[in-house]
């Protein structure tokens, strides 16, 4: 994948291009108006989303239980948020109930470079879970995380504590802002990039983010949820 600088207006986010930007400090200067607007949109859209999608929560919950009655409907996992603060992130459960116990036996099959773990044909994923992941419906419970302020709609994805243990100081720069449900690399390349490229995309977003860019990423995410073939 080629590397090139991204225009400051963020247009390349919508084109799916890769780039390289060597940031060396963690100083960002977001305008107060942007941060206030971002939080307002987070609260408004997450609240409305939770209300409107309540019937979907019920249907998905029933389907999860029908396939695997042993586990819970929701999957709670400790993630690393802004300034390395830990919080519980929620998803619809898309794997068998003992998925975390089986993970150690699958590490050698990891298909993503760096401090991430992804397997395209992960044997732990249930049938309904496969559908939830391909459509990103499994991520919808994170609207609650957004509502309470642990996450934002657009930002770097929150990593696992075990992943952060492998981070360099450079990589940790992606933790200086609130993590998001969707972001730069999800709408540009999703699972088709490695860890290093993901970090580059996240850092670029942190330094050029604005309300219009956030709205474009949200709209592009909606399209990806309907038509993407990269999710797993």
C-alpha atoms as a PDB file:
ATOM      1  CA  UNK A   1       0.000   0.000   0.000  1.00  0.00           C
ATOM      2  CA  UNK A   2       1.411   3.362  -0.995  1.00  0.00           C
ATOM      3  CA  UNK A   3       2.179   6.031   1.563  1.00  0.00           C
ATOM      4  CA  UNK A   4       1.464   9.704   0.950  1.00  0.00           C
ATOM      5  CA  UNK A   5       0.633  12.829   2.898  1.00  0.00           C
ATOM      6  CA  UNK A   6      -3.025  13.509   3.479  1.00  0.00           C
ATOM      7  CA  UNK A   7      -4.391  16.984   2.637  1.00  0.00           C
ATOM      8  CA  UNK A   8      -5.092  19.063   5.726  1.00  0.00           C
ATOM      9  CA  UNK A   9      -8.813  19.283   4.910  1.00  0.00           C
ATOM     10  CA  UNK A  10      -9.125  15.539   5.397  1.00  0.00           C
ATOM     11  CA  UNK A  11     -10.473  14.807   1.919  1.00  0.00           C
ATOM     12  CA  UNK A  12      -8.363  11.663   1.562  1.00  0.00           C
ATOM     13  CA  UNK A  13     -10.349  10.067   4.378  1.00  0.00           C
ATOM     14  CA  UNK A  14     -13.216   9.639   1.982  1.00  0.00           C
ATOM     15  CA  UNK A  15     -11.060   8.296  -0.824  1.00  0.00           C
ATOM     16  CA  UNK A  16      -9.548   5.369   1.096  1.00  0.00           C
ATOM     17  CA  UNK A  17      -5.937   6.424   0.461  1.00  0.00           C
ATOM     18  CA  UNK A  18      -3.075   5.556   2.797  1.00  0.00           C
ATOM     19  CA  UNK A  19      -0.480   8.057   3.964  1.00  0.00           C
ATOM     20  CA  UNK A  20       2.342   8.641   6.382  1.00  0.00           C
ATOM     21  CA  UNK A  21       2.611  11.527   8.855  1.00  0.00           C
ATOM     22  CA  UNK A  22       5.456  11.386  11.434  1.00  0.00           C
ATOM     23  CA  UNK A  23       4.098  13.117  14.518  1.00  0.00           C
ATOM     24  CA  UNK A  24       6.472  13.540  17.391  1.00  0.00           C
ATOM     25  CA  UNK A  25       4.499  15.294  20.123  1.00  0.00           C
ATOM     26  CA  UNK A  26       1.126  14.866  21.776  1.00  0.00           C
ATOM     27  CA  UNK A  27       0.083  18.518  21.773  1.00  0.00           C
ATOM     28  CA  UNK A  28      -3.240  19.060  20.022  1.00  0.00           C
ATOM     29  CA  UNK A  29      -5.178  22.297  19.892  1.00  0.00           C
ATOM     30  CA  UNK A  30      -8.851  21.540  19.398  1.00  0.00           C
ATOM     31  CA  UNK A  31     -11.150  24.540  19.419  1.00  0.00           C
ATOM     32  CA  UNK A  32     -13.560  24.656  22.360  1.00  0.00           C
ATOM     33  CA  UNK A  33     -16.442  25.083  19.922  1.00  0.00           C
ATOM     34  CA  UNK A  34     -15.477  21.830  18.196  1.00  0.00           C
ATOM     35  CA  UNK A  35     -15.265  19.863  21.447  1.00  0.00           C
ATOM     36  CA  UNK A  36     -18.624  21.231  22.659  1.00  0.00           C
ATOM     37  CA  UNK A  37     -20.273  20.460  19.317  1.00  0.00           C
ATOM     38  CA  UNK A  38     -18.716  16.987  19.255  1.00  0.00           C
ATOM     39  CA  UNK A  39     -20.031  16.137  22.714  1.00  0.00           C
ATOM     40  CA  UNK A  40     -23.485  17.554  21.897  1.00  0.00           C
ATOM     41  CA  UNK A  41     -23.704  15.423  18.749  1.00  0.00           C
ATOM     42  CA  UNK A  42     -22.464  12.385  20.669  1.00  0.00           C
ATOM     43  CA  UNK A  43     -25.177  12.741  23.301  1.00  0.00           C
ATOM     44  CA  UNK A  44     -27.950  13.565  20.842  1.00  0.00           C
ATOM     45  CA  UNK A  45     -27.225  10.880  18.247  1.00  0.00           C
ATOM     46  CA  UNK A  46     -26.437   8.131  20.761  1.00  0.00           C
ATOM     47  CA  UNK A  47     -29.622   8.816  22.753  1.00  0.00           C
ATOM     48  CA  UNK A  48     -31.805   8.890  19.653  1.00  0.00           C
ATOM     49  CA  UNK A  49     -30.042   5.819  18.295  1.00  0.00           C
ATOM     50  CA  UNK A  50     -30.641   3.794  21.464  1.00  0.00           C
ATOM     51  CA  UNK A  51     -34.357   4.667  21.432  1.00  0.00           C
ATOM     52  CA  UNK A  52     -34.902   4.055  17.708  1.00  0.00           C
ATOM     53  CA  UNK A  53     -32.884   0.818  17.686  1.00  0.00           C
ATOM     54  CA  UNK A  54     -34.549  -0.695  20.764  1.00  0.00           C
ATOM     55  CA  UNK A  55     -36.596  -3.176  18.659  1.00  0.00           C
ATOM     56  CA  UNK A  56     -33.339  -4.286  16.992  1.00  0.00           C
ATOM     57  CA  UNK A  57     -31.789  -4.870  20.424  1.00  0.00           C
ATOM     58  CA  UNK A  58     -34.666  -7.187  21.299  1.00  0.00           C
ATOM     59  CA  UNK A  59     -34.524  -9.166  18.038  1.00  0.00           C
ATOM     60  CA  UNK A  60     -30.722  -9.561  18.149  1.00  0.00           C
ATOM     61  CA  UNK A  61     -30.887 -10.588  21.810  1.00  0.00           C
ATOM     62  CA  UNK A  62     -33.371 -13.342  21.048  1.00  0.00           C
ATOM     63  CA  UNK A  63     -31.312 -14.646  18.100  1.00  0.00           C
ATOM     64  CA  UNK A  64     -28.114 -14.735  20.178  1.00  0.00           C
ATOM     65  CA  UNK A  65     -29.819 -16.692  22.939  1.00  0.00           C
ATOM     66  CA  UNK A  66     -31.438 -19.129  20.532  1.00  0.00           C
ATOM     67  CA  UNK A  67     -28.069 -20.097  19.049  1.00  0.00           C
ATOM     68  CA  UNK A  68     -26.036 -20.141  22.268  1.00  0.00           C
ATOM     69  CA  UNK A  69     -28.216 -20.046  25.424  1.00  0.00           C
ATOM     70  CA  UNK A  70     -25.211 -20.356  27.773  1.00  0.00           C
ATOM     71  CA  UNK A  71     -23.724 -16.936  27.201  1.00  0.00           C
ATOM     72  CA  UNK A  72     -25.106 -13.444  27.749  1.00  0.00           C
ATOM     73  CA  UNK A  73     -26.563 -11.212  25.032  1.00  0.00           C
ATOM     74  CA  UNK A  74     -23.965  -8.522  25.610  1.00  0.00           C
ATOM     75  CA  UNK A  75     -20.209  -8.889  25.659  1.00  0.00           C
ATOM     76  CA  UNK A  76     -18.409  -6.633  28.138  1.00  0.00           C
ATOM     77  CA  UNK A  77     -14.702  -6.111  27.693  1.00  0.00           C
ATOM     78  CA  UNK A  78     -12.147  -3.866  29.397  1.00  0.00           C
ATOM     79  CA  UNK A  79     -10.671  -1.365  26.947  1.00  0.00           C
ATOM     80  CA  UNK A  80      -8.187   1.496  27.197  1.00  0.00           C
ATOM     81  CA  UNK A  81      -9.634   4.964  26.749  1.00  0.00           C
ATOM     82  CA  UNK A  82      -8.391   8.530  26.792  1.00  0.00           C
ATOM     83  CA  UNK A  83      -5.099   8.975  28.643  1.00  0.00           C
ATOM     84  CA  UNK A  84      -4.971   5.201  29.219  1.00  0.00           C
ATOM     85  CA  UNK A  85      -8.046   5.188  31.480  1.00  0.00           C
ATOM     86  CA  UNK A  86      -9.762   1.782  31.576  1.00  0.00           C
ATOM     87  CA  UNK A  87     -13.489   1.371  30.903  1.00  0.00           C
ATOM     88  CA  UNK A  88     -15.977  -1.367  30.025  1.00  0.00           C
ATOM     89  CA  UNK A  89     -16.954  -1.438  26.348  1.00  0.00           C
ATOM     90  CA  UNK A  90     -20.132  -3.213  25.258  1.00  0.00           C
ATOM     91  CA  UNK A  91     -20.968  -5.239  22.149  1.00  0.00           C
ATOM     92  CA  UNK A  92     -23.545  -7.795  21.139  1.00  0.00           C
ATOM     93  CA  UNK A  93     -21.913 -11.153  21.772  1.00  0.00           C
ATOM     94  CA  UNK A  94     -20.796 -12.588  18.437  1.00  0.00           C
ATOM     95  CA  UNK A  95     -18.660 -15.482  19.689  1.00  0.00           C
ATOM     96  CA  UNK A  96     -19.140 -18.637  21.728  1.00  0.00           C
ATOM     97  CA  UNK A  97     -19.364 -18.075  25.465  1.00  0.00           C
ATOM     98  CA  UNK A  98     -15.796 -19.313  26.140  1.00  0.00           C
ATOM     99  CA  UNK A  99     -14.158 -17.295  23.337  1.00  0.00           C
ATOM    100  CA  UNK A 100     -11.590 -15.572  25.545  1.00  0.00           C
ATOM    101  CA  UNK A 101     -10.356 -18.920  26.884  1.00  0.00           C
ATOM    102  CA  UNK A 102      -9.858 -20.200  23.317  1.00  0.00           C
ATOM    103  CA  UNK A 103      -7.984 -17.105  22.135  1.00  0.00           C
ATOM    104  CA  UNK A 104      -4.574 -18.209  23.448  1.00  0.00           C
ATOM    105  CA  UNK A 105      -4.709 -21.283  21.209  1.00  0.00           C
ATOM    106  CA  UNK A 106      -5.368 -19.141  18.134  1.00  0.00           C
ATOM    107  CA  UNK A 107      -2.694 -16.452  18.534  1.00  0.00           C
ATOM    108  CA  UNK A 108      -0.408 -18.019  15.921  1.00  0.00           C
ATOM    109  CA  UNK A 109      -3.195 -17.619  13.338  1.00  0.00           C
ATOM    110  CA  UNK A 110      -3.363 -13.833  13.777  1.00  0.00           C
ATOM    111  CA  UNK A 111      -3.728 -12.166  10.361  1.00  0.00           C
ATOM    112  CA  UNK A 112      -3.061  -8.571  11.436  1.00  0.00           C
ATOM    113  CA  UNK A 113       0.451  -7.278  12.087  1.00  0.00           C
ATOM    114  CA  UNK A 114       1.414  -5.456  15.268  1.00  0.00           C
ATOM    115  CA  UNK A 115      -0.518  -5.116  18.518  1.00  0.00           C
ATOM    116  CA  UNK A 116      -3.880  -6.379  17.228  1.00  0.00           C
ATOM    117  CA  UNK A 117      -5.559  -9.769  16.910  1.00  0.00           C
ATOM    118  CA  UNK A 118      -7.822 -10.616  13.956  1.00  0.00           C
ATOM    119  CA  UNK A 119      -8.664 -13.862  12.156  1.00  0.00           C
ATOM    120  CA  UNK A 120     -10.865 -13.737   9.077  1.00  0.00           C
ATOM    121  CA  UNK A 121     -12.373 -17.187   9.658  1.00  0.00           C
ATOM    122  CA  UNK A 122     -12.324 -17.141  13.442  1.00  0.00           C
ATOM    123  CA  UNK A 123     -13.787 -20.485  14.610  1.00  0.00           C
ATOM    124  CA  UNK A 124     -15.146 -18.868  17.771  1.00  0.00           C
ATOM    125  CA  UNK A 125     -17.681 -16.748  15.880  1.00  0.00           C
ATOM    126  CA  UNK A 126     -21.286 -17.981  15.935  1.00  0.00           C
ATOM    127  CA  UNK A 127     -23.568 -17.988  12.886  1.00  0.00           C
ATOM    128  CA  UNK A 128     -25.560 -14.981  14.054  1.00  0.00           C
ATOM    129  CA  UNK A 129     -22.296 -13.432  15.191  1.00  0.00           C
ATOM    130  CA  UNK A 130     -20.896 -13.615  11.668  1.00  0.00           C
ATOM    131  CA  UNK A 131     -23.848 -11.620  10.371  1.00  0.00           C
ATOM    132  CA  UNK A 132     -23.602  -9.100  13.206  1.00  0.00           C
ATOM    133  CA  UNK A 133     -19.931  -8.514  12.457  1.00  0.00           C
ATOM    134  CA  UNK A 134     -20.319  -8.183   8.688  1.00  0.00           C
ATOM    135  CA  UNK A 135     -22.989  -5.536   9.210  1.00  0.00           C
ATOM    136  CA  UNK A 136     -21.273  -4.008  12.292  1.00  0.00           C
ATOM    137  CA  UNK A 137     -24.525  -4.441  14.215  1.00  0.00           C
ATOM    138  CA  UNK A 138     -22.454  -6.001  17.004  1.00  0.00           C
ATOM    139  CA  UNK A 139     -20.998  -2.543  17.682  1.00  0.00           C
ATOM    140  CA  UNK A 140     -24.344  -0.802  18.244  1.00  0.00           C
ATOM    141  CA  UNK A 141     -24.377  -1.253  22.079  1.00  0.00           C
ATOM    142  CA  UNK A 142     -21.384   1.096  22.152  1.00  0.00           C
ATOM    143  CA  UNK A 143     -23.916   3.898  21.750  1.00  0.00           C
ATOM    144  CA  UNK A 144     -24.291   3.510  25.511  1.00  0.00           C
ATOM    145  CA  UNK A 145     -20.553   4.066  25.939  1.00  0.00           C
ATOM    146  CA  UNK A 146     -20.908   7.210  23.833  1.00  0.00           C
ATOM    147  CA  UNK A 147     -23.865   8.478  25.841  1.00  0.00           C
ATOM    148  CA  UNK A 148     -22.024   8.168  29.174  1.00  0.00           C
ATOM    149  CA  UNK A 149     -18.839   9.716  27.762  1.00  0.00           C
ATOM    150  CA  UNK A 150     -16.443   6.750  27.711  1.00  0.00           C
ATOM    151  CA  UNK A 151     -16.405   6.888  23.914  1.00  0.00           C
ATOM    152  CA  UNK A 152     -17.269   9.263  21.102  1.00  0.00           C
ATOM    153  CA  UNK A 153     -18.916   8.510  17.769  1.00  0.00           C
ATOM    154  CA  UNK A 154     -15.735   9.260  15.802  1.00  0.00           C
ATOM    155  CA  UNK A 155     -12.240   8.603  17.086  1.00  0.00           C
ATOM    156  CA  UNK A 156      -9.492   5.968  17.308  1.00  0.00           C
ATOM    157  CA  UNK A 157     -10.811   2.543  18.261  1.00  0.00           C
ATOM    158  CA  UNK A 158     -10.169   1.632  21.930  1.00  0.00           C
ATOM    159  CA  UNK A 159      -7.483  -1.066  22.275  1.00  0.00           C
ATOM    160  CA  UNK A 160      -7.227  -3.908  24.764  1.00  0.00           C
ATOM    161  CA  UNK A 161      -4.883  -3.480  27.778  1.00  0.00           C
ATOM    162  CA  UNK A 162      -2.789  -6.391  26.452  1.00  0.00           C
ATOM    163  CA  UNK A 163      -2.374  -4.548  23.153  1.00  0.00           C
ATOM    164  CA  UNK A 164      -1.336  -1.305  24.840  1.00  0.00           C
ATOM    165  CA  UNK A 165       1.377  -3.215  26.703  1.00  0.00           C
ATOM    166  CA  UNK A 166       3.025  -3.685  23.294  1.00  0.00           C
ATOM    167  CA  UNK A 167       2.666  -0.006  22.306  1.00  0.00           C
ATOM    168  CA  UNK A 168       5.679   2.222  21.823  1.00  0.00           C
ATOM    169  CA  UNK A 169       5.517   5.816  23.065  1.00  0.00           C
ATOM    170  CA  UNK A 170       4.738   6.772  19.491  1.00  0.00           C
ATOM    171  CA  UNK A 171       1.767   4.383  19.320  1.00  0.00           C
ATOM    172  CA  UNK A 172       0.403   5.725  22.615  1.00  0.00           C
ATOM    173  CA  UNK A 173      -0.267   9.063  20.955  1.00  0.00           C
ATOM    174  CA  UNK A 174      -3.536   7.583  19.668  1.00  0.00           C
ATOM    175  CA  UNK A 175      -4.678   7.404  23.308  1.00  0.00           C
ATOM    176  CA  UNK A 176      -4.598  11.165  23.939  1.00  0.00           C
ATOM    177  CA  UNK A 177      -8.204  11.585  22.748  1.00  0.00           C
ATOM    178  CA  UNK A 178     -11.494   9.865  23.550  1.00  0.00           C
ATOM    179  CA  UNK A 179     -11.818   6.580  21.601  1.00  0.00           C
ATOM    180  CA  UNK A 180     -14.576   6.221  19.028  1.00  0.00           C
ATOM    181  CA  UNK A 181     -17.102   3.796  17.559  1.00  0.00           C
ATOM    182  CA  UNK A 182     -15.809   4.515  14.078  1.00  0.00           C
ATOM    183  CA  UNK A 183     -12.896   6.435  12.661  1.00  0.00           C
ATOM    184  CA  UNK A 184     -10.403   7.263   9.980  1.00  0.00           C
ATOM    185  CA  UNK A 185      -9.131   3.789   9.164  1.00  0.00           C
ATOM    186  CA  UNK A 186     -12.497   2.044   9.459  1.00  0.00           C
ATOM    187  CA  UNK A 187     -13.960   4.048   6.571  1.00  0.00           C
ATOM    188  CA  UNK A 188     -10.749   4.063   4.545  1.00  0.00           C
ATOM    189  CA  UNK A 189      -9.517   0.485   4.710  1.00  0.00           C
ATOM    190  CA  UNK A 190     -11.017  -1.294   7.712  1.00  0.00           C
ATOM    191  CA  UNK A 191      -9.358  -4.712   8.189  1.00  0.00           C
ATOM    192  CA  UNK A 192      -7.178  -4.418   5.099  1.00  0.00           C
ATOM    193  CA  UNK A 193      -4.415  -2.436   6.836  1.00  0.00           C
ATOM    194  CA  UNK A 194      -1.788  -3.392   9.383  1.00  0.00           C
ATOM    195  CA  UNK A 195      -1.269  -1.956  12.843  1.00  0.00           C
ATOM    196  CA  UNK A 196       1.345   0.616  11.806  1.00  0.00           C
ATOM    197  CA  UNK A 197      -0.881   2.053   9.092  1.00  0.00           C
ATOM    198  CA  UNK A 198      -3.816   2.147  11.498  1.00  0.00           C
ATOM    199  CA  UNK A 199      -1.770   4.196  13.960  1.00  0.00           C
ATOM    200  CA  UNK A 200      -0.774   6.614  11.175  1.00  0.00           C
ATOM    201  CA  UNK A 201      -4.419   7.091  10.213  1.00  0.00           C
ATOM    202  CA  UNK A 202      -5.483   7.638  13.817  1.00  0.00           C
ATOM    203  CA  UNK A 203      -2.749  10.219  14.425  1.00  0.00           C
ATOM    204  CA  UNK A 204      -3.642  12.076  11.264  1.00  0.00           C
ATOM    205  CA  UNK A 205      -7.283  12.213  12.357  1.00  0.00           C
ATOM    206  CA  UNK A 206      -6.296  13.544  15.782  1.00  0.00           C
ATOM    207  CA  UNK A 207      -4.400  16.421  14.194  1.00  0.00           C
ATOM    208  CA  UNK A 208      -6.919  17.429  11.510  1.00  0.00           C
ATOM    209  CA  UNK A 209     -10.284  16.534  13.063  1.00  0.00           C
ATOM    210  CA  UNK A 210     -13.216  18.906  12.826  1.00  0.00           C
ATOM    211  CA  UNK A 211     -17.015  18.694  12.896  1.00  0.00           C
ATOM    212  CA  UNK A 212     -17.435  18.398   9.117  1.00  0.00           C
ATOM    213  CA  UNK A 213     -14.856  15.620   8.935  1.00  0.00           C
ATOM    214  CA  UNK A 214     -16.621  13.763  11.771  1.00  0.00           C
ATOM    215  CA  UNK A 215     -19.958  14.013   9.957  1.00  0.00           C
ATOM    216  CA  UNK A 216     -18.409  12.696   6.736  1.00  0.00           C
ATOM    217  CA  UNK A 217     -16.905   9.739   8.592  1.00  0.00           C
ATOM    218  CA  UNK A 218     -20.272   8.970  10.225  1.00  0.00           C
ATOM    219  CA  UNK A 219     -22.000   9.041   6.825  1.00  0.00           C
ATOM    220  CA  UNK A 220     -19.292   6.894   5.249  1.00  0.00           C
ATOM    221  CA  UNK A 221     -19.621   4.434   8.143  1.00  0.00           C
ATOM    222  CA  UNK A 222     -23.322   4.007   7.387  1.00  0.00           C
ATOM    223  CA  UNK A 223     -22.471   3.129   3.795  1.00  0.00           C
ATOM    224  CA  UNK A 224     -19.748   0.718   4.926  1.00  0.00           C
ATOM    225  CA  UNK A 225     -22.173  -1.054   7.242  1.00  0.00           C
ATOM    226  CA  UNK A 226     -24.462  -1.771   4.291  1.00  0.00           C
ATOM    227  CA  UNK A 227     -21.947  -2.626   1.587  1.00  0.00           C
ATOM    228  CA  UNK A 228     -18.560  -3.430   3.122  1.00  0.00           C
ATOM    229  CA  UNK A 229     -16.925  -6.809   2.440  1.00  0.00           C
ATOM    230  CA  UNK A 230     -13.912  -6.166   4.691  1.00  0.00           C
ATOM    231  CA  UNK A 231     -15.492  -6.661   8.120  1.00  0.00           C
ATOM    232  CA  UNK A 232     -14.801  -9.776  10.182  1.00  0.00           C
END
